[in-house]
Amino acid sequence: MTIFFAFATTFKVDSLFQYLNFFLSIARAKFEEININLFNECLETVENCLIDAKMDISFIHYVVLVGGSSRIPKVQLLQEFFKLI
């Protein structure tokens, strides 16, 4: 998906329903707005894991994001989370 690199992209699904094709153009800002709760949940989950494990953030030496979604700028906030605390 080019949404990771561009300011907008078009999604296309061939034959989504009864041979009807689906097209959606979306700006990255809108994509991030729609998914902001998921991004925040991700950060909260990491925080809760550290708390549950009684682990200080200083024990984390590396954060490696993998997979296509790791290129989403808002997902990269996870790396910033570990740098800022």
Protein backbone atom coordinates (compact mmCIF):
# COMPACT_ATOMS: atom_id res chain seq x y z
CA MET A 1 0.00 0.00 0.00
CA THR A 2 1.30 3.38 -0.91
CA ILE A 3 -0.50 5.01 2.03
CA PHE A 4 2.70 4.48 4.01
CA PHE A 5 4.75 6.61 1.64
CA ALA A 6 2.29 8.94 -0.06
CA PHE A 7 -0.18 11.47 1.28
CA ALA A 8 -3.06 9.54 -0.30
CA THR A 9 -3.73 6.27 -2.07
CA THR A 10 -6.46 4.30 -3.77
CA PHE A 11 -7.51 0.83 -2.65
CA LYS A 12 -9.02 -1.50 -5.22
CA VAL A 13 -10.76 -4.81 -4.59
CA ASP A 14 -11.83 -6.71 -7.69
CA SER A 15 -15.18 -8.48 -7.49
CA LEU A 16 -15.85 -7.58 -3.89
CA PHE A 17 -19.48 -8.63 -4.21
CA GLN A 18 -21.24 -10.21 -7.17
CA TYR A 19 -18.59 -9.01 -9.63
CA LEU A 20 -18.73 -5.44 -8.36
CA ASN A 21 -15.36 -3.78 -7.98
CA PHE A 22 -14.60 -1.57 -5.00
CA PHE A 23 -12.45 1.56 -5.12
CA LEU A 24 -11.59 3.84 -2.22
CA SER A 25 -9.33 6.88 -2.24
CA ILE A 26 -8.12 7.92 1.18
CA ALA A 27 -5.64 10.46 2.50
CA ARG A 28 -3.04 9.32 5.00
CA ALA A 29 -4.34 11.87 7.53
CA LYS A 30 -7.83 10.37 7.27
CA PHE A 31 -6.45 6.83 7.53
CA GLU A 32 -4.58 7.79 10.70
CA GLU A 33 -7.65 9.56 12.10
CA ILE A 34 -9.80 6.48 11.54
CA ASN A 35 -7.22 4.23 13.22
CA ILE A 36 -6.04 6.50 16.06
CA ASN A 37 -7.72 4.31 18.68
CA LEU A 38 -5.81 1.28 17.41
CA PHE A 39 -2.52 3.14 17.52
CA ASN A 40 -3.20 4.30 21.08
CA GLU A 41 -4.26 0.79 22.11
CA CYS A 42 -0.96 -0.53 20.83
CA LEU A 43 0.99 1.89 23.03
CA GLU A 44 -1.24 1.14 26.04
CA THR A 45 -0.73 -2.61 25.55
CA VAL A 46 3.03 -2.18 25.58
CA GLU A 47 2.83 -0.04 28.72
CA ASN A 48 0.62 -2.62 30.44
CA CYS A 49 2.99 -5.44 29.49
CA LEU A 50 5.88 -3.58 31.09
CA ILE A 51 3.82 -2.93 34.23
CA ASP A 52 2.59 -6.54 34.45
CA ALA A 53 6.13 -7.85 33.99
CA LYS A 54 7.37 -5.38 36.62
CA MET A 55 9.92 -4.34 34.05
CA ASP A 56 11.51 -0.95 33.70
CA ILE A 57 11.74 0.46 30.21
CA SER A 58 15.52 0.62 30.61
CA PHE A 59 15.57 -3.19 30.25
CA ILE A 60 14.45 -2.80 26.62
CA HIS A 61 17.49 -2.35 24.43
CA TYR A 62 15.93 -2.65 20.98
CA VAL A 63 12.52 -2.25 19.39
CA VAL A 64 12.16 -3.95 16.04
CA LEU A 65 9.04 -3.30 14.01
CA VAL A 66 8.39 -5.86 11.27
CA GLY A 67 5.78 -6.38 8.59
CA GLY A 68 4.07 -4.04 6.20
CA SER A 69 2.20 -2.13 8.89
CA SER A 70 5.45 -1.18 10.58
CA ARG A 71 5.89 1.41 7.83
CA ILE A 72 2.80 3.33 8.94
CA PRO A 73 4.18 6.55 10.46
CA LYS A 74 1.84 6.37 13.46
CA VAL A 75 2.94 2.81 14.23
CA GLN A 76 6.50 4.11 14.37
CA LEU A 77 5.38 6.06 17.46
CA LEU A 78 6.14 2.83 19.29
CA GLN A 79 9.85 3.37 18.70
CA GLU A 80 9.53 6.95 19.92
CA PHE A 81 7.74 5.70 23.04
CA PHE A 82 10.83 3.77 24.06
CA LYS A 83 13.16 6.68 23.33
CA LEU A 84 11.18 9.29 25.26
CA ILE A 85 10.50 7.45 28.49
